[in-house]
Amino acid sequence: MNTTAPTSADACLSIVHSLMCHRQGGESEGFSKRAIESLVKKLKEKRDELDSLITAITTNGAHPSKCVTIQRTLDGRLQVL
């Protein structure tokens, strides 16, 4: 298993695969994968924020990172495509 965290320069699939290893909770694997893919796609153009998200998740919050803003739908929900 790769011990280094991905960066925003890596392929989306590589980032998603790495973040799936840190999945918590009872959601199905398919839903979790779609949610992570959606987040990565939304943040792909915001490289600094994507790197902050990756750092926060892969270090389990042990290393400080910047805030990550994710646009919501008009009714306030996160859209998972």
Protein backbone atom coordinates (compact mmCIF):
# COMPACT_ATOMS: atom_id res chain seq x y z
CA MET A 1 0.00 0.00 0.00
CA ASN A 2 1.24 3.48 -0.84
CA THR A 3 2.21 5.32 2.36
CA THR A 4 2.38 8.80 0.85
CA ALA A 5 -0.78 10.83 0.55
CA PRO A 6 -1.86 11.91 -2.92
CA THR A 7 -1.78 15.57 -3.96
CA SER A 8 -4.07 17.68 -6.11
CA ALA A 9 -1.71 17.01 -9.03
CA ASP A 10 -2.56 13.30 -8.97
CA ALA A 11 -5.33 11.73 -11.03
CA CYS A 12 -8.84 11.89 -9.55
CA LEU A 13 -9.05 8.10 -9.43
CA SER A 14 -5.84 7.90 -7.42
CA ILE A 15 -7.09 10.50 -4.93
CA VAL A 16 -10.47 8.76 -4.57
CA HIS A 17 -8.82 5.38 -4.01
CA SER A 18 -6.58 6.81 -1.30
CA LEU A 19 -9.41 8.63 0.48
CA MET A 20 -11.60 5.51 0.38
CA CYS A 21 -9.06 3.87 2.69
CA HIS A 22 -10.01 6.43 5.37
CA ARG A 23 -13.76 5.85 5.08
CA GLN A 24 -15.72 5.77 8.35
CA GLY A 25 -19.35 5.18 9.19
CA GLY A 26 -22.01 2.85 7.92
CA GLU A 27 -22.58 4.14 4.39
CA SER A 28 -22.26 1.66 1.57
CA GLU A 29 -18.97 1.56 -0.31
CA GLY A 30 -20.69 2.63 -3.53
CA PHE A 31 -22.28 5.71 -1.95
CA SER A 32 -19.01 6.65 -0.24
CA LYS A 33 -17.10 6.33 -3.50
CA ARG A 34 -19.60 8.51 -5.38
CA ALA A 35 -19.51 11.13 -2.59
CA ILE A 36 -15.70 11.25 -2.57
CA GLU A 37 -15.57 11.40 -6.38
CA SER A 38 -18.02 14.30 -6.32
CA LEU A 39 -15.96 16.20 -3.74
CA VAL A 40 -12.71 15.63 -5.62
CA LYS A 41 -14.27 16.80 -8.90
CA LYS A 42 -15.67 19.93 -7.25
CA LEU A 43 -12.29 20.77 -5.74
CA LYS A 44 -10.06 19.74 -8.67
CA GLU A 45 -9.79 23.37 -9.85
CA LYS A 46 -9.15 24.56 -6.27
CA ARG A 47 -5.86 22.74 -5.79
CA ASP A 48 -5.01 24.35 -2.43
CA GLU A 49 -8.36 23.35 -0.98
CA LEU A 50 -8.12 19.83 -2.40
CA ASP A 51 -4.68 19.46 -0.83
CA SER A 52 -6.11 20.71 2.48
CA LEU A 53 -8.94 18.15 2.30
CA ILE A 54 -6.49 15.35 1.52
CA THR A 55 -4.25 16.42 4.43
CA ALA A 56 -7.17 16.62 6.87
CA ILE A 57 -8.46 13.17 5.92
CA THR A 58 -5.19 11.28 5.55
CA THR A 59 -3.77 12.60 8.84
CA ASN A 60 -7.08 12.17 10.67
CA GLY A 61 -6.89 15.85 11.59
CA ALA A 62 -3.48 15.52 13.27
CA HIS A 63 -1.93 18.19 11.01
CA PRO A 64 -3.57 21.61 10.72
CA SER A 65 -4.97 22.46 7.31
CA LYS A 66 -6.85 25.35 5.77
CA CYS A 67 -10.63 25.52 5.50
CA VAL A 68 -12.25 23.80 2.54
CA THR A 69 -15.34 25.39 1.02
CA ILE A 70 -17.75 23.18 -0.89
CA GLN A 71 -20.61 24.73 -2.82
CA ARG A 72 -24.05 23.51 -1.81
CA THR A 73 -27.29 23.31 -3.72
CA LEU A 74 -29.93 26.03 -3.29
CA ASP A 75 -31.71 24.01 -0.60
CA GLY A 76 -28.50 23.58 1.41
CA ARG A 77 -27.70 19.95 0.61
CA LEU A 78 -24.47 18.65 -0.85
CA GLN A 79 -25.06 17.27 -4.32
CA VAL A 80 -23.64 13.78 -4.82
CA LEU A 81 -23.66 12.89 -8.50
